[in-house]
Amino acid sequence: MNDPRSPIRLDQGIRRGKSVQILFDGQPVTAFKGETIAAALIGAGVWMCRTIDSKPMGVYCNIGVCWSCAMTVNGMQSVRICRTPVSEGCQVQSQHFTKGKRYGE
């Protein structure tokens, strides 16, 4: 008997887009059209996006309010990957900073 109070699996009925390959720090990662870079990396088991003073940082808010997920995407620094959709061949690199220094120094 179906109990209307029983939990529904979150992945029921989800249709993923076409499979695409992105590169994360030079390694291929399978992603799906329609998802963000953050979703693709989390799905691949990648939780760290960058470091500040050697301390790892990952996706925090996942809605584009904070900057904890900022990474270099196709050569552009400090792109919020939680708001950036995947595209075939997209190149994503983690960023590493030291407090008190400007980005890229």
PDB file of N, CA and C in Angstrom:
ATOM      1  N   MET A   1       0.848  -1.186   0.000  1.00  0.00           N
ATOM      2  CA  MET A   1       0.000   0.000   0.000  1.00  0.00           C
ATOM      3  C   MET A   1       0.888   1.242   0.000  1.00  0.00           C
ATOM      4  N   ASN A   2       0.527   2.234  -0.771  1.00  0.00           N
ATOM      5  CA  ASN A   2       1.290   3.473  -0.821  1.00  0.00           C
ATOM      6  C   ASN A   2       0.867   4.405   0.298  1.00  0.00           C
ATOM      7  N   ASP A   3       1.799   4.738   1.126  1.00  0.00           N
ATOM      8  CA  ASP A   3       1.550   5.668   2.220  1.00  0.00           C
ATOM      9  C   ASP A   3       1.844   7.075   1.699  1.00  0.00           C
ATOM     10  N   PRO A   4       0.875   7.985   1.681  1.00  0.00           N
ATOM     11  CA  PRO A   4       1.118   9.336   1.145  1.00  0.00           C
ATOM     12  C   PRO A   4       2.153  10.122   1.951  1.00  0.00           C
ATOM     13  N   ARG A   5       2.475   9.635   3.151  1.00  0.00           N
ATOM     14  CA  ARG A   5       3.461  10.327   3.977  1.00  0.00           C
ATOM     15  C   ARG A   5       4.868   9.805   3.747  1.00  0.00           C
ATOM     16  N   SER A   6       5.020   8.748   2.937  1.00  0.00           N
ATOM     17  CA  SER A   6       6.356   8.193   2.716  1.00  0.00           C
ATOM     18  C   SER A   6       7.171   9.148   1.836  1.00  0.00           C
ATOM     19  N   PRO A   7       8.474   9.213   2.083  1.00  0.00           N
ATOM     20  CA  PRO A   7       9.314  10.139   1.324  1.00  0.00           C
ATOM     21  C   PRO A   7       9.424   9.727  -0.137  1.00  0.00           C
ATOM     22  N   ILE A   8       9.550  10.715  -0.991  1.00  0.00           N
ATOM     23  CA  ILE A   8       9.742  10.489  -2.420  1.00  0.00           C
ATOM     24  C   ILE A   8      11.213  10.695  -2.725  1.00  0.00           C
ATOM     25  N   ARG A   9      11.790   9.789  -3.493  1.00  0.00           N
ATOM     26  CA  ARG A   9      13.198   9.941  -3.871  1.00  0.00           C
ATOM     27  C   ARG A   9      13.363  11.204  -4.712  1.00  0.00           C
ATOM     28  N   LEU A  10      14.407  11.958  -4.390  1.00  0.00           N
ATOM     29  CA  LEU A  10      14.636  13.210  -5.103  1.00  0.00           C
ATOM     30  C   LEU A  10      15.027  13.002  -6.557  1.00  0.00           C
ATOM     31  N   ASP A  11      15.565  11.843  -6.893  1.00  0.00           N
ATOM     32  CA  ASP A  11      15.992  11.629  -8.271  1.00  0.00           C
ATOM     33  C   ASP A  11      14.917  10.981  -9.147  1.00  0.00           C
ATOM     34  N   GLN A  12      13.724  10.787  -8.624  1.00  0.00           N
ATOM     35  CA  GLN A  12      12.654  10.218  -9.435  1.00  0.00           C
ATOM     36  C   GLN A  12      12.183  11.227 -10.465  1.00  0.00           C
ATOM     37  N   GLY A  13      12.132  10.798 -11.705  1.00  0.00           N
ATOM     38  CA  GLY A  13      11.591  11.657 -12.754  1.00  0.00           C
ATOM     39  C   GLY A  13      12.532  12.720 -13.272  1.00  0.00           C
ATOM     40  N   ILE A  14      13.769  12.750 -12.796  1.00  0.00           N
ATOM     41  CA  ILE A  14      14.711  13.752 -13.284  1.00  0.00           C
ATOM     42  C   ILE A  14      15.224  13.329 -14.646  1.00  0.00           C
ATOM     43  N   ARG A  15      15.160  14.229 -15.593  1.00  0.00           N
ATOM     44  CA  ARG A  15      15.699  13.974 -16.919  1.00  0.00           C
ATOM     45  C   ARG A  15      16.926  14.840 -17.107  1.00  0.00           C
ATOM     46  N   ARG A  16      18.038  14.192 -17.319  1.00  0.00           N
ATOM     47  CA  ARG A  16      19.287  14.925 -17.487  1.00  0.00           C
ATOM     48  C   ARG A  16      19.472  15.280 -18.951  1.00  0.00           C
ATOM     49  N   GLY A  17      20.196  16.378 -19.170  1.00  0.00           N
ATOM     50  CA  GLY A  17      20.506  16.804 -20.535  1.00  0.00           C
ATOM     51  C   GLY A  17      21.569  15.919 -21.158  1.00  0.00           C
ATOM     52  N   LYS A  18      21.983  16.313 -22.335  1.00  0.00           N
ATOM     53  CA  LYS A  18      23.018  15.588 -23.070  1.00  0.00           C
ATOM     54  C   LYS A  18      24.326  15.594 -22.280  1.00  0.00           C
ATOM     55  N   SER A  19      25.024  14.482 -22.301  1.00  0.00           N
ATOM     56  CA  SER A  19      26.309  14.353 -21.622  1.00  0.00           C
ATOM     57  C   SER A  19      27.371  15.181 -22.351  1.00  0.00           C
ATOM     58  N   VAL A  20      28.149  15.963 -21.579  1.00  0.00           N
ATOM     59  CA  VAL A  20      29.259  16.750 -22.127  1.00  0.00           C
ATOM     60  C   VAL A  20      30.483  16.540 -21.247  1.00  0.00           C
ATOM     61  N   GLN A  21      31.648  16.815 -21.796  1.00  0.00           N
ATOM     62  CA  GLN A  21      32.893  16.710 -21.033  1.00  0.00           C
ATOM     63  C   GLN A  21      33.394  18.107 -20.698  1.00  0.00           C
ATOM     64  N   ILE A  22      33.763  18.319 -19.426  1.00  0.00           N
ATOM     65  CA  ILE A  22      34.456  19.541 -19.025  1.00  0.00           C
ATOM     66  C   ILE A  22      35.792  19.099 -18.439  1.00  0.00           C
ATOM     67  N   LEU A  23      36.704  20.042 -18.305  1.00  0.00           N
ATOM     68  CA  LEU A  23      37.992  19.742 -17.686  1.00  0.00           C
ATOM     69  C   LEU A  23      38.088  20.486 -16.371  1.00  0.00           C
ATOM     70  N   PHE A  24      38.410  19.770 -15.306  1.00  0.00           N
ATOM     71  CA  PHE A  24      38.635  20.387 -14.004  1.00  0.00           C
ATOM     72  C   PHE A  24      40.083  20.139 -13.616  1.00  0.00           C
ATOM     73  N   ASP A  25      40.852  21.198 -13.505  1.00  0.00           N
ATOM     74  CA  ASP A  25      42.285  21.105 -13.214  1.00  0.00           C
ATOM     75  C   ASP A  25      42.957  20.077 -14.123  1.00  0.00           C
ATOM     76  N   GLY A  26      42.544  20.090 -15.399  1.00  0.00           N
ATOM     77  CA  GLY A  26      43.146  19.234 -16.414  1.00  0.00           C
ATOM     78  C   GLY A  26      42.579  17.830 -16.504  1.00  0.00           C
ATOM     79  N   GLN A  27      41.670  17.468 -15.593  1.00  0.00           N
ATOM     80  CA  GLN A  27      41.089  16.125 -15.584  1.00  0.00           C
ATOM     81  C   GLN A  27      39.669  16.157 -16.160  1.00  0.00           C
ATOM     82  N   PRO A  28      39.311  15.198 -17.025  1.00  0.00           N
ATOM     83  CA  PRO A  28      37.962  15.192 -17.597  1.00  0.00           C
ATOM     84  C   PRO A  28      36.902  14.857 -16.550  1.00  0.00           C
ATOM     85  N   VAL A  29      35.785  15.559 -16.642  1.00  0.00           N
ATOM     86  CA  VAL A  29      34.631  15.335 -15.767  1.00  0.00           C
ATOM     87  C   VAL A  29      33.401  15.282 -16.664  1.00  0.00           C
ATOM     88  N   THR A  30      32.556  14.284 -16.447  1.00  0.00           N
ATOM     89  CA  THR A  30      31.311  14.201 -17.199  1.00  0.00           C
ATOM     90  C   THR A  30      30.282  15.108 -16.551  1.00  0.00           C
ATOM     91  N   ALA A  31      29.646  15.932 -17.367  1.00  0.00           N
ATOM     92  CA  ALA A  31      28.608  16.846 -16.900  1.00  0.00           C
ATOM     93  C   ALA A  31      27.401  16.669 -17.824  1.00  0.00           C
ATOM     94  N   PHE A  32      26.329  17.356 -17.512  1.00  0.00           N
ATOM     95  CA  PHE A  32      25.124  17.243 -18.324  1.00  0.00           C
ATOM     96  C   PHE A  32      24.600  18.633 -18.648  1.00  0.00           C
ATOM     97  N   LYS A  33      24.273  18.853 -19.923  1.00  0.00           N
ATOM     98  CA  LYS A  33      23.725  20.148 -20.343  1.00  0.00           C
ATOM     99  C   LYS A  33      22.565  20.526 -19.443  1.00  0.00           C
ATOM    100  N   GLY A  34      22.514  21.784 -19.056  1.00  0.00           N
ATOM    101  CA  GLY A  34      21.443  22.275 -18.203  1.00  0.00           C
ATOM    102  C   GLY A  34      21.821  22.375 -16.741  1.00  0.00           C
ATOM    103  N   GLU A  35      22.938  21.765 -16.352  1.00  0.00           N
ATOM    104  CA  GLU A  35      23.352  21.890 -14.961  1.00  0.00           C
ATOM    105  C   GLU A  35      24.495  22.894 -14.849  1.00  0.00           C
ATOM    106  N   THR A  36      24.728  23.367 -13.643  1.00  0.00           N
ATOM    107  CA  THR A  36      25.814  24.318 -13.424  1.00  0.00           C
ATOM    108  C   THR A  36      27.129  23.567 -13.264  1.00  0.00           C
ATOM    109  N   ILE A  37      28.222  24.321 -13.379  1.00  0.00           N
ATOM    110  CA  ILE A  37      29.544  23.740 -13.154  1.00  0.00           C
ATOM    111  C   ILE A  37      29.622  23.194 -11.732  1.00  0.00           C
ATOM    112  N   ALA A  38      29.071  23.930 -10.769  1.00  0.00           N
ATOM    113  CA  ALA A  38      29.091  23.475  -9.378  1.00  0.00           C
ATOM    114  C   ALA A  38      28.383  22.131  -9.240  1.00  0.00           C
ATOM    115  N   ALA A  39      27.221  21.974  -9.853  1.00  0.00           N
ATOM    116  CA  ALA A  39      26.482  20.716  -9.776  1.00  0.00           C
ATOM    117  C   ALA A  39      27.284  19.578 -10.393  1.00  0.00           C
ATOM    118  N   ALA A  40      27.935  19.849 -11.514  1.00  0.00           N
ATOM    119  CA  ALA A  40      28.740  18.824 -12.182  1.00  0.00           C
ATOM    120  C   ALA A  40      29.907  18.389 -11.305  1.00  0.00           C
ATOM    121  N   LEU A  41      30.585  19.356 -10.692  1.00  0.00           N
ATOM    122  CA  LEU A  41      31.735  19.016  -9.857  1.00  0.00           C
ATOM    123  C   LEU A  41      31.307  18.284  -8.587  1.00  0.00           C
ATOM    124  N   ILE A  42      30.239  18.731  -7.966  1.00  0.00           N
ATOM    125  CA  ILE A  42      29.742  18.042  -6.775  1.00  0.00           C
ATOM    126  C   ILE A  42      29.330  16.614  -7.141  1.00  0.00           C
ATOM    127  N   GLY A  43      28.669  16.461  -8.291  1.00  0.00           N
ATOM    128  CA  GLY A  43      28.281  15.135  -8.758  1.00  0.00           C
ATOM    129  C   GLY A  43      29.476  14.227  -8.997  1.00  0.00           C
ATOM    130  N   ALA A  44      30.623  14.827  -9.334  1.00  0.00           N
ATOM    131  CA  ALA A  44      31.851  14.071  -9.567  1.00  0.00           C
ATOM    132  C   ALA A  44      32.659  13.885  -8.285  1.00  0.00           C
ATOM    133  N   GLY A  45      32.144  14.391  -7.163  1.00  0.00           N
ATOM    134  CA  GLY A  45      32.837  14.222  -5.882  1.00  0.00           C
ATOM    135  C   GLY A  45      33.849  15.302  -5.563  1.00  0.00           C
ATOM    136  N   VAL A  46      33.834  16.407  -6.315  1.00  0.00           N
ATOM    137  CA  VAL A  46      34.761  17.523  -6.063  1.00  0.00           C
ATOM    138  C   VAL A  46      34.053  18.516  -5.157  1.00  0.00           C
ATOM    139  N   TRP A  47      34.592  18.737  -3.959  1.00  0.00           N
ATOM    140  CA  TRP A  47      33.961  19.639  -2.998  1.00  0.00           C
ATOM    141  C   TRP A  47      34.752  20.920  -2.785  1.00  0.00           C
ATOM    142  N   MET A  48      36.037  20.953  -3.144  1.00  0.00           N
ATOM    143  CA  MET A  48      36.858  22.144  -2.940  1.00  0.00           C
ATOM    144  C   MET A  48      36.986  22.916  -4.247  1.00  0.00           C
ATOM    145  N   CYS A  49      36.719  24.213  -4.191  1.00  0.00           N
ATOM    146  CA  CYS A  49      36.814  25.070  -5.373  1.00  0.00           C
ATOM    147  C   CYS A  49      38.106  25.873  -5.395  1.00  0.00           C
ATOM    148  N   ARG A  50      38.518  26.324  -4.224  1.00  0.00           N
ATOM    149  CA  ARG A  50      39.699  27.181  -4.148  1.00  0.00           C
ATOM    150  C   ARG A  50      40.261  27.131  -2.740  1.00  0.00           C
ATOM    151  N   THR A  51      41.398  27.755  -2.553  1.00  0.00           N
ATOM    152  CA  THR A  51      41.969  27.888  -1.212  1.00  0.00           C
ATOM    153  C   THR A  51      42.279  29.349  -0.950  1.00  0.00           C
ATOM    154  N   ILE A  52      42.180  29.719   0.299  1.00  0.00           N
ATOM    155  CA  ILE A  52      42.622  31.030   0.764  1.00  0.00           C
ATOM    156  C   ILE A  52      43.517  30.746   1.960  1.00  0.00           C
ATOM    157  N   ASP A  53      44.767  31.169   1.867  1.00  0.00           N
ATOM    158  CA  ASP A  53      45.762  30.851   2.899  1.00  0.00           C
ATOM    159  C   ASP A  53      45.809  29.346   3.159  1.00  0.00           C
ATOM    160  N   SER A  54      45.763  28.568   2.107  1.00  0.00           N
ATOM    161  CA  SER A  54      45.826  27.100   2.136  1.00  0.00           C
ATOM    162  C   SER A  54      44.616  26.435   2.792  1.00  0.00           C
ATOM    163  N   LYS A  55      43.580  27.213   3.111  1.00  0.00           N
ATOM    164  CA  LYS A  55      42.359  26.642   3.693  1.00  0.00           C
ATOM    165  C   LYS A  55      41.364  26.373   2.562  1.00  0.00           C
ATOM    166  N   PRO A  56      40.870  25.145   2.446  1.00  0.00           N
ATOM    167  CA  PRO A  56      39.957  24.814   1.356  1.00  0.00           C
ATOM    168  C   PRO A  56      38.601  25.489   1.504  1.00  0.00           C
ATOM    169  N   MET A  57      38.039  25.896   0.380  1.00  0.00           N
ATOM    170  CA  MET A  57      36.702  26.482   0.342  1.00  0.00           C
ATOM    171  C   MET A  57      35.915  25.766  -0.744  1.00  0.00           C
ATOM    172  N   GLY A  58      34.641  25.588  -0.494  1.00  0.00           N
ATOM    173  CA  GLY A  58      33.780  24.927  -1.465  1.00  0.00           C
ATOM    174  C   GLY A  58      32.522  25.732  -1.691  1.00  0.00           C
ATOM    175  N   VAL A  59      31.576  25.135  -2.380  1.00  0.00           N
ATOM    176  CA  VAL A  59      30.298  25.788  -2.642  1.00  0.00           C
ATOM    177  C   VAL A  59      29.591  25.981  -1.306  1.00  0.00           C
ATOM    178  N   TYR A  60      29.139  27.190  -1.032  1.00  0.00           N
ATOM    179  CA  TYR A  60      28.500  27.479   0.245  1.00  0.00           C
ATOM    180  C   TYR A  60      26.999  27.726   0.060  1.00  0.00           C
ATOM    181  N   CYS A  61      26.643  28.806  -0.607  1.00  0.00           N
ATOM    182  CA  CYS A  61      25.218  29.141  -0.712  1.00  0.00           C
ATOM    183  C   CYS A  61      24.561  28.486  -1.922  1.00  0.00           C
ATOM    184  N   ASN A  62      25.319  28.275  -2.973  1.00  0.00           N
ATOM    185  CA  ASN A  62      24.862  27.661  -4.226  1.00  0.00           C
ATOM    186  C   ASN A  62      23.734  28.424  -4.908  1.00  0.00           C
ATOM    187  N   ILE A  63      23.608  29.723  -4.625  1.00  0.00           N
ATOM    188  CA  ILE A  63      22.613  30.556  -5.313  1.00  0.00           C
ATOM    189  C   ILE A  63      23.226  31.856  -5.829  1.00  0.00           C
ATOM    190  N   GLY A  64      24.533  31.988  -5.747  1.00  0.00           N
ATOM    191  CA  GLY A  64      25.199  33.149  -6.325  1.00  0.00           C
ATOM    192  C   GLY A  64      25.285  34.369  -5.435  1.00  0.00           C
ATOM    193  N   VAL A  65      25.051  34.209  -4.144  1.00  0.00           N
ATOM    194  CA  VAL A  65      25.119  35.348  -3.231  1.00  0.00           C
ATOM    195  C   VAL A  65      26.543  35.541  -2.710  1.00  0.00           C
ATOM    196  N   CYS A  66      27.175  34.454  -2.308  1.00  0.00           N
ATOM    197  CA  CYS A  66      28.544  34.549  -1.793  1.00  0.00           C
ATOM    198  C   CYS A  66      29.532  34.302  -2.931  1.00  0.00           C
ATOM    199  N   TRP A  67      30.788  34.284  -2.628  1.00  0.00           N
ATOM    200  CA  TRP A  67      31.821  34.054  -3.648  1.00  0.00           C
ATOM    201  C   TRP A  67      32.674  32.834  -3.313  1.00  0.00           C
ATOM    202  N   SER A  68      32.193  31.942  -2.453  1.00  0.00           N
ATOM    203  CA  SER A  68      33.018  30.812  -2.043  1.00  0.00           C
ATOM    204  C   SER A  68      33.276  29.826  -3.175  1.00  0.00           C
ATOM    205  N   CYS A  69      32.471  29.855  -4.222  1.00  0.00           N
ATOM    206  CA  CYS A  69      32.643  28.909  -5.328  1.00  0.00           C
ATOM    207  C   CYS A  69      33.412  29.513  -6.499  1.00  0.00           C
ATOM    208  N   ALA A  70      34.020  30.667  -6.315  1.00  0.00           N
ATOM    209  CA  ALA A  70      34.722  31.330  -7.425  1.00  0.00           C
ATOM    210  C   ALA A  70      35.892  30.496  -7.922  1.00  0.00           C
ATOM    211  N   MET A  71      35.902  30.278  -9.232  1.00  0.00           N
ATOM    212  CA  MET A  71      36.969  29.514  -9.879  1.00  0.00           C
ATOM    213  C   MET A  71      37.327  30.197 -11.196  1.00  0.00           C
ATOM    214  N   THR A  72      38.404  29.753 -11.801  1.00  0.00           N
ATOM    215  CA  THR A  72      38.782  30.252 -13.118  1.00  0.00           C
ATOM    216  C   THR A  72      38.089  29.380 -14.159  1.00  0.00           C
ATOM    217  N   VAL A  73      37.306  30.002 -15.028  1.00  0.00           N
ATOM    218  CA  VAL A  73      36.557  29.288 -16.059  1.00  0.00           C
ATOM    219  C   VAL A  73      36.950  29.844 -17.416  1.00  0.00           C
ATOM    220  N   ASN A  74      37.491  28.987 -18.255  1.00  0.00           N
ATOM    221  CA  ASN A  74      37.943  29.373 -19.596  1.00  0.00           C
ATOM    222  C   ASN A  74      38.845  30.610 -19.556  1.00  0.00           C
ATOM    223  N   GLY A  75      39.740  30.638 -18.567  1.00  0.00           N
ATOM    224  CA  GLY A  75      40.715  31.714 -18.445  1.00  0.00           C
ATOM    225  C   GLY A  75      40.238  32.942 -17.686  1.00  0.00           C
ATOM    226  N   MET A  76      38.957  33.024 -17.334  1.00  0.00           N
ATOM    227  CA  MET A  76      38.423  34.177 -16.602  1.00  0.00           C
ATOM    228  C   MET A  76      38.400  33.854 -15.109  1.00  0.00           C
ATOM    229  N   GLN A  77      39.096  34.660 -14.314  1.00  0.00           N
ATOM    230  CA  GLN A  77      39.166  34.429 -12.870  1.00  0.00           C
ATOM    231  C   GLN A  77      37.883  34.830 -12.159  1.00  0.00           C
ATOM    232  N   SER A  78      37.680  34.204 -11.013  1.00  0.00           N
ATOM    233  CA  SER A  78      36.610  34.540 -10.065  1.00  0.00           C
ATOM    234  C   SER A  78      35.216  34.465 -10.674  1.00  0.00           C
ATOM    235  N   VAL A  79      34.941  33.384 -11.368  1.00  0.00           N
ATOM    236  CA  VAL A  79      33.614  33.119 -11.911  1.00  0.00           C
ATOM    237  C   VAL A  79      32.860  32.270 -10.892  1.00  0.00           C
ATOM    238  N   ARG A  80      31.646  32.686 -10.550  1.00  0.00           N
ATOM    239  CA  ARG A  80      30.837  31.911  -9.604  1.00  0.00           C
ATOM    240  C   ARG A  80      30.265  30.694 -10.343  1.00  0.00           C
ATOM    241  N   ILE A  81      30.809  29.526 -10.035  1.00  0.00           N
ATOM    242  CA  ILE A  81      30.426  28.328 -10.769  1.00  0.00           C
ATOM    243  C   ILE A  81      29.032  27.831 -10.419  1.00  0.00           C
ATOM    244  N   CYS A  82      28.450  28.326  -9.335  1.00  0.00           N
ATOM    245  CA  CYS A  82      27.090  27.919  -8.978  1.00  0.00           C
ATOM    246  C   CYS A  82      26.058  28.563  -9.888  1.00  0.00           C
ATOM    247  N   ARG A  83      26.464  29.557 -10.665  1.00  0.00           N
ATOM    248  CA  ARG A  83      25.558  30.250 -11.578  1.00  0.00           C
ATOM    249  C   ARG A  83      25.954  30.069 -13.031  1.00  0.00           C
ATOM    250  N   THR A  84      27.017  29.338 -13.281  1.00  0.00           N
ATOM    251  CA  THR A  84      27.541  29.202 -14.633  1.00  0.00           C
ATOM    252  C   THR A  84      27.211  27.823 -15.186  1.00  0.00           C
ATOM    253  N   PRO A  85      26.466  27.776 -16.298  1.00  0.00           N
ATOM    254  CA  PRO A  85      26.127  26.471 -16.865  1.00  0.00           C
ATOM    255  C   PRO A  85      27.328  25.805 -17.528  1.00  0.00           C
ATOM    256  N   VAL A  86      27.310  24.481 -17.560  1.00  0.00           N
ATOM    257  CA  VAL A  86      28.379  23.742 -18.239  1.00  0.00           C
ATOM    258  C   VAL A  86      28.252  23.911 -19.739  1.00  0.00           C
ATOM    259  N   SER A  87      29.370  23.753 -20.422  1.00  0.00           N
ATOM    260  CA  SER A  87      29.381  23.725 -21.883  1.00  0.00           C
ATOM    261  C   SER A  87      30.483  22.765 -22.301  1.00  0.00           C
ATOM    262  N   GLU A  88      30.312  22.157 -23.447  1.00  0.00           N
ATOM    263  CA  GLU A  88      31.269  21.168 -23.937  1.00  0.00           C
ATOM    264  C   GLU A  88      32.674  21.763 -23.967  1.00  0.00           C
ATOM    265  N   GLY A  89      33.636  21.062 -23.366  1.00  0.00           N
ATOM    266  CA  GLY A  89      35.030  21.488 -23.391  1.00  0.00           C
ATOM    267  C   GLY A  89      35.385  22.612 -22.435  1.00  0.00           C
ATOM    268  N   CYS A  90      34.455  23.031 -21.592  1.00  0.00           N
ATOM    269  CA  CYS A  90      34.705  24.099 -20.622  1.00  0.00           C
ATOM    270  C   CYS A  90      35.908  23.726 -19.756  1.00  0.00           C
ATOM    271  N   GLN A  91      36.800  24.686 -19.538  1.00  0.00           N
ATOM    272  CA  GLN A  91      37.989  24.447 -18.723  1.00  0.00           C
ATOM    273  C   GLN A  91      37.863  25.196 -17.407  1.00  0.00           C
ATOM    274  N   VAL A  92      37.913  24.443 -16.314  1.00  0.00           N
ATOM    275  CA  VAL A  92      37.719  24.990 -14.974  1.00  0.00           C
ATOM    276  C   VAL A  92      38.962  24.702 -14.145  1.00  0.00           C
ATOM    277  N   GLN A  93      39.483  25.755 -13.504  1.00  0.00           N
ATOM    278  CA  GLN A  93      40.649  25.579 -12.630  1.00  0.00           C
ATOM    279  C   GLN A  93      40.333  26.128 -11.248  1.00  0.00           C
ATOM    280  N   SER A  94      40.812  25.408 -10.224  1.00  0.00           N
ATOM    281  CA  SER A  94      40.671  25.916  -8.864  1.00  0.00           C
ATOM    282  C   SER A  94      41.605  27.111  -8.695  1.00  0.00           C
ATOM    283  N   GLN A  95      41.247  27.987  -7.777  1.00  0.00           N
ATOM    284  CA  GLN A  95      42.029  29.200  -7.518  1.00  0.00           C
ATOM    285  C   GLN A  95      42.652  29.117  -6.135  1.00  0.00           C
ATOM    286  N   HIS A  96      43.819  29.729  -5.988  1.00  0.00           N
ATOM    287  CA  HIS A  96      44.530  29.715  -4.714  1.00  0.00           C
ATOM    288  C   HIS A  96      45.010  31.128  -4.412  1.00  0.00           C
ATOM    289  N   PHE A  97      44.594  31.655  -3.260  1.00  0.00           N
ATOM    290  CA  PHE A  97      44.910  33.025  -2.894  1.00  0.00           C
ATOM    291  C   PHE A  97      45.511  33.109  -1.497  1.00  0.00           C
ATOM    292  N   THR A  98      46.182  34.216  -1.250  1.00  0.00           N
ATOM    293  CA  THR A  98      46.686  34.556   0.071  1.00  0.00           C
ATOM    294  C   THR A  98      46.021  35.860   0.471  1.00  0.00           C
ATOM    295  N   LYS A  99      45.477  35.923   1.690  1.00  0.00           N
ATOM    296  CA  LYS A  99      44.824  37.149   2.151  1.00  0.00           C
ATOM    297  C   LYS A  99      45.787  38.311   2.071  1.00  0.00           C
ATOM    298  N   GLY A 100      45.256  39.464   1.743  1.00  0.00           N
ATOM    299  CA  GLY A 100      46.068  40.667   1.677  1.00  0.00           C
ATOM    300  C   GLY A 100      46.699  40.913   0.322  1.00  0.00           C
ATOM    301  N   LYS A 101      46.644  39.941  -0.558  1.00  0.00           N
ATOM    302  CA  LYS A 101      47.167  40.118  -1.911  1.00  0.00           C
ATOM    303  C   LYS A 101      45.996  40.183  -2.875  1.00  0.00           C
ATOM    304  N   ARG A 102      46.170  40.963  -3.916  1.00  0.00           N
ATOM    305  CA  ARG A 102      45.112  41.030  -4.926  1.00  0.00           C
ATOM    306  C   ARG A 102      45.093  39.754  -5.739  1.00  0.00           C
ATOM    307  N   TYR A 103      43.920  39.484  -6.308  1.00  0.00           N
ATOM    308  CA  TYR A 103      43.789  38.302  -7.157  1.00  0.00           C
ATOM    309  C   TYR A 103      44.795  38.398  -8.283  1.00  0.00           C
ATOM    310  N   GLY A 104      45.457  37.285  -8.548  1.00  0.00           N
ATOM    311  CA  GLY A 104      46.378  37.217  -9.670  1.00  0.00           C
ATOM    312  C   GLY A 104      47.786  37.674  -9.375  1.00  0.00           C
ATOM    313  N   GLU A 105      48.047  38.176  -8.174  1.00  0.00           N
ATOM    314  CA  GLU A 105      49.401  38.638  -7.853  1.00  0.00           C
ATOM    315  C   GLU A 105      50.274  37.498  -7.409  1.00  0.00           C
TER     316      GLU A 105
END
